[in-house]
């Protein structure tokens, strides 16, 4: 990912926190020299100083059969906001876009054991809706086992983490304040989120 130094996220903890907050991401693999993407919720955690991304996809997905081949890329790409040149002090300006993105490269390992799949699903439930776990546990074994057989669960050990936050760092404080004030009033959640991140950079 093209990342000028003043936009680079150098703090690993900051990158992990961002991925955990915006955990619905895009995983990209290459199948027969053609990129293929799938959109999935991820679990992000540190284990023994390694960043591990975990998720699952439908076994019928062609990616399920090739995910262990080569390097995979997972893209976390929220929030974002259009930035109008009306916020700037000079007329010789153009529109742009502020955004935050993390690119995580790594090697995927399929979890083939049913117990490992079950643990991953329970971890996912606890992360996204802990209150559903009791209902999940009460489902008929035949139904749950059928679901488990229909998925491919996997983990990715991240080998390269690239983070970028383009938040008008190259603009004056006055211009940044104009942008923040405008985005804070937006009805769009992602634009208000960008305003919050910009304030942290001030």
N, C-alpha and C. Protein backbone atom coordinates (compact mmCIF):
# COMPACT_ATOMS: atom_id res chain seq x y z
N UNK A 1 0.85 -1.19 0.00
CA UNK A 1 0.00 0.00 0.00
C UNK A 1 0.89 1.24 0.00
N UNK A 2 0.60 2.16 -0.92
CA UNK A 2 1.37 3.39 -0.98
C UNK A 2 1.07 4.22 0.27
N UNK A 3 2.12 4.49 1.06
CA UNK A 3 1.92 5.18 2.33
C UNK A 3 3.05 6.17 2.59
N UNK A 4 2.84 7.45 2.29
CA UNK A 4 3.83 8.45 2.67
C UNK A 4 4.06 8.42 4.18
N UNK A 5 5.25 8.78 4.61
CA UNK A 5 5.61 8.64 6.03
C UNK A 5 4.66 9.38 6.97
N UNK A 6 4.15 10.55 6.54
CA UNK A 6 3.30 11.31 7.45
C UNK A 6 1.89 10.72 7.58
N UNK A 7 1.59 9.69 6.77
CA UNK A 7 0.30 8.99 6.88
C UNK A 7 0.44 7.61 7.51
N UNK A 8 1.65 7.20 7.80
CA UNK A 8 1.90 5.82 8.22
C UNK A 8 1.46 5.58 9.67
N UNK A 9 0.82 4.43 9.92
CA UNK A 9 0.51 3.98 11.28
C UNK A 9 1.67 3.11 11.73
N UNK A 10 2.51 3.65 12.61
CA UNK A 10 3.70 2.93 13.05
C UNK A 10 3.46 2.12 14.31
N UNK A 11 2.42 2.46 15.06
CA UNK A 11 2.13 1.82 16.33
C UNK A 11 1.29 0.57 16.09
N UNK A 12 1.86 -0.60 16.39
CA UNK A 12 1.16 -1.86 16.17
C UNK A 12 -0.12 -1.95 16.99
N UNK A 13 -0.06 -1.48 18.24
CA UNK A 13 -1.24 -1.54 19.11
C UNK A 13 -2.38 -0.70 18.53
N UNK A 14 -2.04 0.44 17.93
CA UNK A 14 -3.05 1.28 17.30
C UNK A 14 -3.68 0.56 16.11
N UNK A 15 -2.85 -0.12 15.32
CA UNK A 15 -3.36 -0.86 14.17
C UNK A 15 -4.29 -2.00 14.60
N UNK A 16 -3.89 -2.71 15.65
CA UNK A 16 -4.72 -3.81 16.15
C UNK A 16 -6.05 -3.29 16.66
N UNK A 17 -6.01 -2.19 17.40
CA UNK A 17 -7.24 -1.60 17.93
C UNK A 17 -8.18 -1.20 16.79
N UNK A 18 -7.62 -0.65 15.72
CA UNK A 18 -8.44 -0.26 14.58
C UNK A 18 -9.07 -1.49 13.93
N UNK A 19 -8.31 -2.55 13.72
CA UNK A 19 -8.83 -3.76 13.11
C UNK A 19 -9.94 -4.37 13.96
N UNK A 20 -9.77 -4.34 15.27
CA UNK A 20 -10.78 -4.88 16.16
C UNK A 20 -12.07 -4.06 16.12
N UNK A 21 -11.94 -2.76 15.93
CA UNK A 21 -13.14 -1.91 15.87
C UNK A 21 -13.87 -2.09 14.54
N UNK A 22 -13.10 -2.15 13.44
CA UNK A 22 -13.69 -2.31 12.10
C UNK A 22 -13.32 -3.69 11.57
N UNK A 23 -13.89 -4.70 12.17
CA UNK A 23 -13.42 -6.07 11.96
C UNK A 23 -14.06 -6.80 10.79
N UNK A 24 -15.02 -6.16 10.11
CA UNK A 24 -15.58 -6.77 8.89
C UNK A 24 -14.68 -6.35 7.74
N UNK A 25 -13.94 -7.32 7.19
CA UNK A 25 -12.86 -6.98 6.26
C UNK A 25 -12.96 -7.79 4.98
N UNK A 26 -12.06 -7.49 4.06
CA UNK A 26 -12.00 -8.18 2.77
C UNK A 26 -10.73 -9.00 2.70
N UNK A 27 -10.89 -10.30 2.46
CA UNK A 27 -9.71 -11.17 2.30
C UNK A 27 -9.53 -11.44 0.81
N UNK A 28 -8.28 -11.30 0.36
CA UNK A 28 -7.95 -11.45 -1.06
C UNK A 28 -6.93 -12.56 -1.23
N UNK A 29 -7.22 -13.49 -2.13
CA UNK A 29 -6.27 -14.52 -2.52
C UNK A 29 -6.16 -14.50 -4.04
N UNK A 30 -5.23 -15.28 -4.57
CA UNK A 30 -5.07 -15.38 -6.02
C UNK A 30 -5.35 -16.82 -6.43
N UNK A 31 -6.32 -16.99 -7.32
CA UNK A 31 -6.69 -18.31 -7.82
C UNK A 31 -6.50 -18.31 -9.33
N UNK A 32 -5.61 -19.17 -9.82
CA UNK A 32 -5.29 -19.23 -11.26
C UNK A 32 -4.93 -17.85 -11.80
N UNK A 33 -4.09 -17.14 -11.05
CA UNK A 33 -3.57 -15.83 -11.42
C UNK A 33 -4.62 -14.73 -11.44
N UNK A 34 -5.79 -15.00 -10.87
CA UNK A 34 -6.86 -14.01 -10.80
C UNK A 34 -7.17 -13.71 -9.33
N UNK A 35 -7.14 -12.43 -8.90
CA UNK A 35 -7.49 -12.10 -7.51
C UNK A 35 -8.95 -12.45 -7.23
N UNK A 36 -9.18 -13.00 -6.04
CA UNK A 36 -10.54 -13.31 -5.60
C UNK A 36 -10.72 -12.77 -4.19
N UNK A 37 -11.86 -12.14 -3.94
CA UNK A 37 -12.11 -11.50 -2.65
C UNK A 37 -13.36 -12.08 -1.99
N UNK A 38 -13.31 -12.16 -0.65
CA UNK A 38 -14.46 -12.55 0.15
C UNK A 38 -14.55 -11.59 1.33
N UNK A 39 -15.76 -11.23 1.71
CA UNK A 39 -15.99 -10.28 2.80
C UNK A 39 -16.42 -11.04 4.04
N UNK A 40 -15.65 -10.88 5.13
CA UNK A 40 -15.84 -11.71 6.32
C UNK A 40 -15.64 -10.91 7.61
N UNK A 41 -16.29 -11.32 8.69
CA UNK A 41 -15.95 -10.79 10.01
C UNK A 41 -14.71 -11.52 10.54
N UNK A 42 -13.81 -10.78 11.16
CA UNK A 42 -12.57 -11.37 11.67
C UNK A 42 -12.45 -11.19 13.18
N UNK A 43 -11.75 -12.13 13.78
CA UNK A 43 -11.29 -12.00 15.16
C UNK A 43 -9.82 -11.63 15.09
N UNK A 44 -9.41 -10.64 15.85
CA UNK A 44 -8.02 -10.15 15.81
C UNK A 44 -7.44 -10.22 17.21
N UNK A 45 -6.31 -10.90 17.37
CA UNK A 45 -5.71 -11.03 18.70
C UNK A 45 -4.20 -11.22 18.60
N UNK A 46 -3.52 -10.94 19.72
CA UNK A 46 -2.09 -11.20 19.83
C UNK A 46 -1.90 -12.53 20.56
N UNK A 47 -1.05 -13.39 20.01
CA UNK A 47 -0.67 -14.63 20.65
C UNK A 47 0.84 -14.79 20.55
N UNK A 48 1.49 -14.82 21.69
CA UNK A 48 2.95 -14.99 21.70
C UNK A 48 3.63 -14.00 20.75
N UNK A 49 3.24 -12.73 20.87
CA UNK A 49 3.82 -11.65 20.07
C UNK A 49 3.52 -11.75 18.58
N UNK A 50 2.57 -12.59 18.21
CA UNK A 50 2.15 -12.70 16.82
C UNK A 50 0.71 -12.19 16.69
N UNK A 51 0.41 -11.53 15.58
CA UNK A 51 -0.96 -11.10 15.30
C UNK A 51 -1.65 -12.21 14.53
N UNK A 52 -2.78 -12.66 15.06
CA UNK A 52 -3.54 -13.75 14.45
C UNK A 52 -4.92 -13.25 14.06
N UNK A 53 -5.29 -13.47 12.80
CA UNK A 53 -6.62 -13.16 12.31
C UNK A 53 -7.36 -14.47 12.09
N UNK A 54 -8.58 -14.57 12.61
CA UNK A 54 -9.36 -15.81 12.49
C UNK A 54 -10.72 -15.53 11.90
N UNK A 55 -11.21 -16.46 11.07
CA UNK A 55 -12.54 -16.33 10.51
C UNK A 55 -12.95 -17.67 9.91
N UNK A 56 -14.09 -17.66 9.24
CA UNK A 56 -14.55 -18.85 8.54
C UNK A 56 -15.37 -18.43 7.33
N UNK A 57 -15.41 -19.31 6.35
CA UNK A 57 -16.20 -19.04 5.15
C UNK A 57 -16.91 -20.32 4.73
N UNK A 58 -17.87 -20.19 3.82
CA UNK A 58 -18.62 -21.35 3.35
C UNK A 58 -17.69 -22.33 2.65
N UNK A 59 -17.86 -23.58 2.96
CA UNK A 59 -17.03 -24.60 2.33
C UNK A 59 -17.21 -24.60 0.81
N UNK A 60 -18.38 -24.17 0.34
CA UNK A 60 -18.65 -24.13 -1.09
C UNK A 60 -17.91 -22.99 -1.79
N UNK A 61 -17.39 -22.03 -1.01
CA UNK A 61 -16.63 -20.92 -1.58
C UNK A 61 -15.33 -21.46 -2.17
N UNK A 62 -15.04 -21.12 -3.43
CA UNK A 62 -13.82 -21.63 -4.06
C UNK A 62 -12.56 -21.23 -3.30
N UNK A 63 -12.61 -20.11 -2.59
CA UNK A 63 -11.46 -19.69 -1.80
C UNK A 63 -11.13 -20.69 -0.70
N UNK A 64 -12.12 -21.41 -0.21
CA UNK A 64 -11.90 -22.37 0.86
C UNK A 64 -10.91 -23.46 0.47
N UNK A 65 -10.79 -23.73 -0.82
CA UNK A 65 -9.93 -24.81 -1.29
C UNK A 65 -8.53 -24.33 -1.66
N UNK A 66 -8.30 -23.02 -1.64
CA UNK A 66 -7.01 -22.50 -2.07
C UNK A 66 -6.40 -21.53 -1.06
N UNK A 67 -7.09 -21.33 0.06
CA UNK A 67 -6.68 -20.28 0.99
C UNK A 67 -5.30 -20.51 1.58
N UNK A 68 -4.85 -21.76 1.62
CA UNK A 68 -3.52 -22.04 2.18
C UNK A 68 -2.41 -21.87 1.15
N UNK A 69 -2.77 -21.57 -0.08
CA UNK A 69 -1.77 -21.43 -1.14
C UNK A 69 -1.28 -19.99 -1.22
N UNK A 70 -0.02 -19.79 -0.94
CA UNK A 70 0.57 -18.47 -1.08
C UNK A 70 0.17 -17.50 0.02
N UNK A 71 0.45 -16.23 -0.22
CA UNK A 71 0.18 -15.17 0.75
C UNK A 71 -1.23 -14.63 0.55
N UNK A 72 -1.93 -14.40 1.66
CA UNK A 72 -3.25 -13.79 1.60
C UNK A 72 -3.15 -12.35 2.10
N UNK A 73 -4.11 -11.54 1.67
CA UNK A 73 -4.18 -10.14 2.08
C UNK A 73 -5.56 -9.89 2.68
N UNK A 74 -5.59 -9.29 3.88
CA UNK A 74 -6.85 -8.90 4.50
C UNK A 74 -6.85 -7.39 4.63
N UNK A 75 -7.91 -6.76 4.11
CA UNK A 75 -8.00 -5.30 4.07
C UNK A 75 -9.10 -4.82 5.01
N UNK A 76 -8.71 -4.00 5.96
CA UNK A 76 -9.64 -3.34 6.88
C UNK A 76 -9.74 -1.88 6.42
N UNK A 77 -10.90 -1.45 5.93
CA UNK A 77 -10.96 -0.16 5.23
C UNK A 77 -12.16 0.71 5.62
N UNK A 78 -12.33 0.97 6.86
CA UNK A 78 -13.31 1.95 7.34
C UNK A 78 -12.60 2.76 8.42
N UNK A 79 -13.06 3.98 8.66
CA UNK A 79 -14.05 4.80 7.97
C UNK A 79 -13.38 5.65 6.88
N UNK A 80 -14.22 6.46 6.19
CA UNK A 80 -13.70 7.34 5.15
C UNK A 80 -14.63 8.53 5.00
N UNK A 81 -14.13 9.59 4.36
CA UNK A 81 -14.96 10.79 4.19
C UNK A 81 -14.43 11.64 3.04
N UNK A 82 -15.34 12.14 2.22
CA UNK A 82 -15.00 13.10 1.17
C UNK A 82 -14.62 14.43 1.83
N UNK A 83 -13.54 15.04 1.34
CA UNK A 83 -13.09 16.32 1.88
C UNK A 83 -13.17 17.38 0.78
N UNK A 84 -14.05 18.35 0.99
CA UNK A 84 -14.26 19.41 0.00
C UNK A 84 -13.16 20.47 0.10
N UNK A 85 -12.72 21.03 -1.05
CA UNK A 85 -11.72 22.10 -1.02
C UNK A 85 -12.27 23.39 -0.43
N UNK A 86 -13.57 23.44 -0.19
CA UNK A 86 -14.16 24.64 0.42
C UNK A 86 -13.65 24.87 1.84
N UNK A 87 -13.03 23.84 2.44
CA UNK A 87 -12.51 23.97 3.81
C UNK A 87 -11.14 24.63 3.85
N UNK A 88 -10.50 24.81 2.69
CA UNK A 88 -9.13 25.30 2.66
C UNK A 88 -9.06 26.81 2.51
N UNK A 89 -7.90 27.34 2.85
CA UNK A 89 -7.71 28.79 2.81
C UNK A 89 -7.37 29.29 1.42
N UNK A 90 -6.79 28.44 0.58
CA UNK A 90 -6.41 28.85 -0.78
C UNK A 90 -7.41 28.29 -1.79
N UNK A 91 -7.52 28.98 -2.93
CA UNK A 91 -8.39 28.49 -3.99
C UNK A 91 -7.73 27.40 -4.82
N UNK A 92 -6.41 27.37 -4.81
CA UNK A 92 -5.69 26.38 -5.61
C UNK A 92 -5.61 25.06 -4.86
N UNK A 93 -6.76 24.49 -4.59
CA UNK A 93 -6.88 23.21 -3.90
C UNK A 93 -7.88 22.33 -4.65
N UNK A 94 -7.83 21.06 -4.39
CA UNK A 94 -8.74 20.12 -5.06
C UNK A 94 -9.39 19.21 -4.01
N UNK A 95 -10.50 18.56 -4.36
CA UNK A 95 -11.12 17.62 -3.41
C UNK A 95 -10.20 16.44 -3.14
N UNK A 96 -10.42 15.79 -2.01
CA UNK A 96 -9.67 14.59 -1.68
C UNK A 96 -10.54 13.71 -0.78
N UNK A 97 -9.96 12.68 -0.27
CA UNK A 97 -10.68 11.74 0.59
C UNK A 97 -9.81 11.42 1.79
N UNK A 98 -10.38 11.52 2.99
CA UNK A 98 -9.68 11.08 4.19
C UNK A 98 -10.15 9.67 4.53
N UNK A 99 -9.21 8.86 5.01
CA UNK A 99 -9.57 7.47 5.32
C UNK A 99 -8.50 6.83 6.18
N UNK A 100 -8.88 5.69 6.74
CA UNK A 100 -7.93 4.85 7.48
C UNK A 100 -8.05 3.44 6.91
N UNK A 101 -6.91 2.81 6.69
CA UNK A 101 -6.91 1.45 6.15
C UNK A 101 -5.73 0.67 6.71
N UNK A 102 -5.96 -0.61 6.93
CA UNK A 102 -4.90 -1.53 7.36
C UNK A 102 -4.84 -2.68 6.35
N UNK A 103 -3.66 -3.00 5.88
CA UNK A 103 -3.44 -4.16 5.02
C UNK A 103 -2.62 -5.17 5.81
N UNK A 104 -3.19 -6.35 6.02
CA UNK A 104 -2.52 -7.41 6.77
C UNK A 104 -2.22 -8.57 5.83
N UNK A 105 -0.93 -8.85 5.65
CA UNK A 105 -0.50 -9.97 4.80
C UNK A 105 -0.10 -11.14 5.70
N UNK A 106 -0.32 -12.34 5.21
CA UNK A 106 0.11 -13.48 6.01
C UNK A 106 -0.18 -14.82 5.36
N UNK A 107 0.04 -15.86 6.14
CA UNK A 107 -0.14 -17.23 5.68
C UNK A 107 -1.33 -17.84 6.43
N UNK A 108 -2.27 -18.40 5.69
CA UNK A 108 -3.47 -18.99 6.29
C UNK A 108 -3.27 -20.47 6.59
N UNK A 109 -3.86 -20.90 7.70
CA UNK A 109 -3.87 -22.30 8.07
C UNK A 109 -5.31 -22.72 8.33
N UNK A 110 -5.75 -23.76 7.65
CA UNK A 110 -7.13 -24.25 7.82
C UNK A 110 -7.23 -25.05 9.11
N UNK A 111 -8.30 -24.81 9.86
CA UNK A 111 -8.59 -25.56 11.08
C UNK A 111 -9.51 -26.71 10.70
N UNK A 112 -8.95 -27.90 10.57
CA UNK A 112 -9.74 -29.03 10.06
C UNK A 112 -10.48 -29.80 11.14
N UNK A 113 -10.04 -29.67 12.39
CA UNK A 113 -10.66 -30.40 13.50
C UNK A 113 -12.00 -29.75 13.86
N UNK A 114 -13.04 -30.57 14.04
CA UNK A 114 -14.36 -30.05 14.38
C UNK A 114 -14.35 -29.29 15.70
N UNK A 115 -13.55 -29.75 16.66
CA UNK A 115 -13.47 -29.05 17.95
C UNK A 115 -12.89 -27.65 17.77
N UNK A 116 -11.89 -27.52 16.90
CA UNK A 116 -11.29 -26.21 16.63
C UNK A 116 -12.30 -25.30 15.93
N UNK A 117 -13.07 -25.87 15.01
CA UNK A 117 -14.12 -25.08 14.35
C UNK A 117 -15.14 -24.59 15.36
N UNK A 118 -15.54 -25.48 16.27
CA UNK A 118 -16.54 -25.12 17.27
C UNK A 118 -16.01 -24.02 18.18
N UNK A 119 -14.75 -24.12 18.60
CA UNK A 119 -14.15 -23.09 19.45
C UNK A 119 -14.14 -21.75 18.73
N UNK A 120 -13.81 -21.76 17.43
CA UNK A 120 -13.78 -20.52 16.66
C UNK A 120 -15.18 -19.90 16.57
N UNK A 121 -16.19 -20.73 16.32
CA UNK A 121 -17.55 -20.22 16.24
C UNK A 121 -18.00 -19.64 17.58
N UNK A 122 -17.67 -20.32 18.67
CA UNK A 122 -18.06 -19.82 19.99
C UNK A 122 -17.32 -18.51 20.32
N UNK A 123 -16.06 -18.44 19.91
CA UNK A 123 -15.29 -17.19 20.11
C UNK A 123 -15.92 -16.05 19.31
N UNK A 124 -16.34 -16.37 18.08
CA UNK A 124 -16.99 -15.37 17.23
C UNK A 124 -18.29 -14.89 17.86
N UNK A 125 -19.09 -15.83 18.38
CA UNK A 125 -20.35 -15.47 19.03
C UNK A 125 -20.09 -14.59 20.25
N UNK A 126 -19.12 -14.96 21.06
CA UNK A 126 -18.80 -14.18 22.26
C UNK A 126 -18.33 -12.77 21.91
N UNK A 127 -17.69 -12.63 20.75
CA UNK A 127 -17.19 -11.33 20.33
C UNK A 127 -18.31 -10.44 19.79
N UNK A 128 -19.20 -11.01 19.00
CA UNK A 128 -20.19 -10.19 18.30
C UNK A 128 -21.58 -10.19 18.96
N UNK A 129 -21.94 -11.23 19.68
CA UNK A 129 -23.23 -11.26 20.37
C UNK A 129 -23.21 -12.35 21.43
N UNK A 130 -22.60 -12.03 22.57
CA UNK A 130 -22.44 -13.01 23.64
C UNK A 130 -23.78 -13.57 24.11
N UNK A 131 -24.83 -12.75 24.04
CA UNK A 131 -26.13 -13.19 24.50
C UNK A 131 -26.72 -14.32 23.66
N UNK A 132 -26.18 -14.52 22.45
CA UNK A 132 -26.69 -15.58 21.58
C UNK A 132 -26.12 -16.95 21.95
N UNK A 133 -25.05 -16.99 22.75
CA UNK A 133 -24.36 -18.26 23.02
C UNK A 133 -25.28 -19.30 23.63
N UNK A 134 -26.15 -18.89 24.54
CA UNK A 134 -27.07 -19.86 25.16
C UNK A 134 -27.99 -20.49 24.11
N UNK A 135 -28.51 -19.66 23.20
CA UNK A 135 -29.36 -20.19 22.14
C UNK A 135 -28.57 -21.15 21.25
N UNK A 136 -27.33 -20.78 20.94
CA UNK A 136 -26.45 -21.64 20.13
C UNK A 136 -26.25 -22.99 20.82
N UNK A 137 -25.98 -22.95 22.11
CA UNK A 137 -25.74 -24.19 22.85
C UNK A 137 -26.98 -25.08 22.92
N UNK A 138 -28.15 -24.48 22.81
CA UNK A 138 -29.40 -25.24 22.89
C UNK A 138 -29.86 -25.78 21.54
N UNK A 139 -29.17 -25.43 20.48
CA UNK A 139 -29.55 -25.95 19.17
C UNK A 139 -29.31 -27.46 19.11
N UNK A 140 -30.10 -28.19 18.34
CA UNK A 140 -29.89 -29.64 18.20
C UNK A 140 -28.49 -29.95 17.69
N UNK A 141 -27.87 -30.99 18.25
CA UNK A 141 -26.51 -31.35 17.83
C UNK A 141 -26.42 -31.59 16.33
N UNK A 142 -27.44 -32.23 15.77
CA UNK A 142 -27.42 -32.54 14.33
C UNK A 142 -27.37 -31.24 13.51
N UNK A 143 -28.12 -30.24 13.97
CA UNK A 143 -28.15 -28.96 13.26
C UNK A 143 -26.80 -28.26 13.36
N UNK A 144 -26.23 -28.20 14.57
CA UNK A 144 -24.94 -27.53 14.76
C UNK A 144 -23.83 -28.26 14.00
N UNK A 145 -23.85 -29.59 14.06
CA UNK A 145 -22.81 -30.36 13.36
C UNK A 145 -22.89 -30.14 11.85
N UNK A 146 -24.12 -30.00 11.35
CA UNK A 146 -24.28 -29.73 9.92
C UNK A 146 -23.67 -28.39 9.55
N UNK A 147 -23.85 -27.38 10.41
CA UNK A 147 -23.26 -26.08 10.17
C UNK A 147 -21.73 -26.16 10.18
N UNK A 148 -21.20 -26.89 11.14
CA UNK A 148 -19.75 -27.02 11.27
C UNK A 148 -19.15 -27.70 10.04
N UNK A 149 -19.86 -28.70 9.51
CA UNK A 149 -19.36 -29.40 8.32
C UNK A 149 -19.42 -28.51 7.08
N UNK A 150 -20.26 -27.49 7.12
CA UNK A 150 -20.44 -26.64 5.95
C UNK A 150 -19.52 -25.45 5.88
N UNK A 151 -18.57 -25.33 6.84
CA UNK A 151 -17.67 -24.18 6.84
C UNK A 151 -16.21 -24.61 6.76
N UNK A 152 -15.38 -23.69 6.33
CA UNK A 152 -13.92 -23.83 6.42
C UNK A 152 -13.43 -22.74 7.36
N UNK A 153 -12.90 -23.16 8.50
CA UNK A 153 -12.37 -22.22 9.48
C UNK A 153 -10.86 -22.08 9.26
N UNK A 154 -10.33 -20.90 9.53
CA UNK A 154 -8.91 -20.70 9.28
C UNK A 154 -8.34 -19.61 10.19
N UNK A 155 -7.04 -19.63 10.32
CA UNK A 155 -6.29 -18.58 11.01
C UNK A 155 -5.20 -18.06 10.09
N UNK A 156 -4.90 -16.79 10.24
CA UNK A 156 -3.82 -16.17 9.46
C UNK A 156 -2.81 -15.58 10.42
N UNK A 157 -1.57 -16.01 10.30
CA UNK A 157 -0.49 -15.37 11.06
C UNK A 157 0.04 -14.21 10.23
N UNK A 158 -0.11 -13.01 10.74
CA UNK A 158 0.28 -11.81 9.99
C UNK A 158 1.80 -11.70 9.93
N UNK A 159 2.32 -11.57 8.72
CA UNK A 159 3.76 -11.42 8.51
C UNK A 159 4.15 -10.01 8.10
N UNK A 160 3.17 -9.24 7.64
CA UNK A 160 3.44 -7.86 7.22
C UNK A 160 2.17 -7.04 7.48
N UNK A 161 2.31 -6.00 8.31
CA UNK A 161 1.17 -5.17 8.67
C UNK A 161 1.43 -3.75 8.20
N UNK A 162 0.58 -3.25 7.31
CA UNK A 162 0.75 -1.91 6.75
C UNK A 162 -0.47 -1.07 7.11
N UNK A 163 -0.24 0.06 7.77
CA UNK A 163 -1.33 0.92 8.19
C UNK A 163 -1.21 2.33 7.66
N UNK A 164 -2.34 2.89 7.27
CA UNK A 164 -2.35 4.25 6.72
C UNK A 164 -3.54 5.02 7.28
N UNK A 165 -3.28 6.22 7.78
CA UNK A 165 -4.36 7.12 8.19
C UNK A 165 -4.14 8.46 7.50
N UNK A 166 -4.94 8.74 6.51
CA UNK A 166 -4.86 9.98 5.74
C UNK A 166 -5.90 10.92 6.33
N UNK A 167 -5.45 11.83 7.19
CA UNK A 167 -6.36 12.66 7.98
C UNK A 167 -6.01 14.14 7.88
N UNK A 168 -5.67 14.58 6.68
CA UNK A 168 -5.33 15.99 6.44
C UNK A 168 -4.14 16.46 7.26
N UNK A 169 -3.19 15.56 7.51
CA UNK A 169 -2.02 15.95 8.30
C UNK A 169 -1.20 17.04 7.62
N UNK A 170 -1.34 17.18 6.30
CA UNK A 170 -0.55 18.16 5.56
C UNK A 170 -1.26 19.51 5.45
N UNK A 171 -2.35 19.69 6.17
CA UNK A 171 -3.10 20.95 6.13
C UNK A 171 -2.86 21.76 7.40
N UNK A 172 -3.26 23.04 7.35
CA UNK A 172 -3.07 23.91 8.52
C UNK A 172 -4.07 23.55 9.61
N UNK A 173 -3.78 23.96 10.82
CA UNK A 173 -4.71 23.71 11.93
C UNK A 173 -6.08 24.33 11.65
N UNK A 174 -6.08 25.51 11.05
CA UNK A 174 -7.34 26.18 10.73
C UNK A 174 -8.16 25.34 9.75
N UNK A 175 -7.51 24.80 8.74
CA UNK A 175 -8.19 23.98 7.75
C UNK A 175 -8.69 22.68 8.36
N UNK A 176 -7.87 22.09 9.21
CA UNK A 176 -8.29 20.85 9.87
C UNK A 176 -9.50 21.09 10.77
N UNK A 177 -9.51 22.20 11.46
CA UNK A 177 -10.66 22.54 12.31
C UNK A 177 -11.93 22.70 11.46
N UNK A 178 -11.80 23.33 10.29
CA UNK A 178 -12.94 23.48 9.39
C UNK A 178 -13.48 22.11 8.98
N UNK A 179 -12.57 21.22 8.64
CA UNK A 179 -12.98 19.87 8.21
C UNK A 179 -13.66 19.13 9.35
N UNK A 180 -13.05 19.18 10.52
CA UNK A 180 -13.61 18.48 11.69
C UNK A 180 -15.01 19.00 12.01
N UNK A 181 -15.16 20.31 12.04
CA UNK A 181 -16.46 20.89 12.37
C UNK A 181 -17.53 20.47 11.37
N UNK A 182 -17.15 20.39 10.11
CA UNK A 182 -18.10 19.99 9.07
C UNK A 182 -18.48 18.51 9.21
N UNK A 183 -17.48 17.67 9.38
CA UNK A 183 -17.73 16.22 9.46
C UNK A 183 -18.51 15.86 10.72
N UNK A 184 -18.29 16.58 11.81
CA UNK A 184 -19.01 16.30 13.04
C UNK A 184 -20.52 16.50 12.89
N UNK A 185 -20.91 17.35 11.95
CA UNK A 185 -22.33 17.63 11.72
C UNK A 185 -22.95 16.72 10.67
N UNK A 186 -22.16 15.83 10.11
CA UNK A 186 -22.64 14.96 9.05
C UNK A 186 -23.60 13.89 9.60
N UNK A 187 -24.64 13.53 8.83
CA UNK A 187 -25.52 12.42 9.24
C UNK A 187 -24.88 11.05 8.98
N UNK A 188 -23.73 11.05 8.32
CA UNK A 188 -23.05 9.80 7.96
C UNK A 188 -22.09 9.39 9.07
N UNK A 189 -22.29 8.20 9.62
CA UNK A 189 -21.48 7.74 10.77
C UNK A 189 -20.00 7.72 10.46
N UNK A 190 -19.62 7.21 9.28
CA UNK A 190 -18.19 7.09 8.96
C UNK A 190 -17.52 8.47 8.89
N UNK A 191 -18.27 9.49 8.44
CA UNK A 191 -17.70 10.83 8.37
C UNK A 191 -17.50 11.40 9.77
N UNK A 192 -18.44 11.14 10.67
CA UNK A 192 -18.25 11.58 12.06
C UNK A 192 -17.09 10.84 12.70
N UNK A 193 -16.91 9.58 12.35
CA UNK A 193 -15.78 8.80 12.87
C UNK A 193 -14.45 9.42 12.42
N UNK A 194 -14.38 9.84 11.16
CA UNK A 194 -13.17 10.47 10.66
C UNK A 194 -12.88 11.75 11.44
N UNK A 195 -13.92 12.52 11.76
CA UNK A 195 -13.74 13.74 12.56
C UNK A 195 -13.13 13.39 13.91
N UNK A 196 -13.60 12.31 14.53
CA UNK A 196 -13.07 11.89 15.82
C UNK A 196 -11.59 11.52 15.72
N UNK A 197 -11.23 10.78 14.69
CA UNK A 197 -9.84 10.40 14.51
C UNK A 197 -8.98 11.63 14.21
N UNK A 198 -9.51 12.58 13.46
CA UNK A 198 -8.74 13.79 13.18
C UNK A 198 -8.48 14.59 14.45
N UNK A 199 -9.46 14.66 15.33
CA UNK A 199 -9.28 15.38 16.58
C UNK A 199 -8.16 14.76 17.42
N UNK A 200 -8.04 13.46 17.37
CA UNK A 200 -6.98 12.78 18.13
C UNK A 200 -5.60 13.14 17.60
N UNK A 201 -5.53 13.51 16.31
CA UNK A 201 -4.25 13.84 15.70
C UNK A 201 -3.85 15.30 15.93
N UNK A 202 -4.78 16.12 16.38
CA UNK A 202 -4.51 17.54 16.56
C UNK A 202 -3.55 17.80 17.73
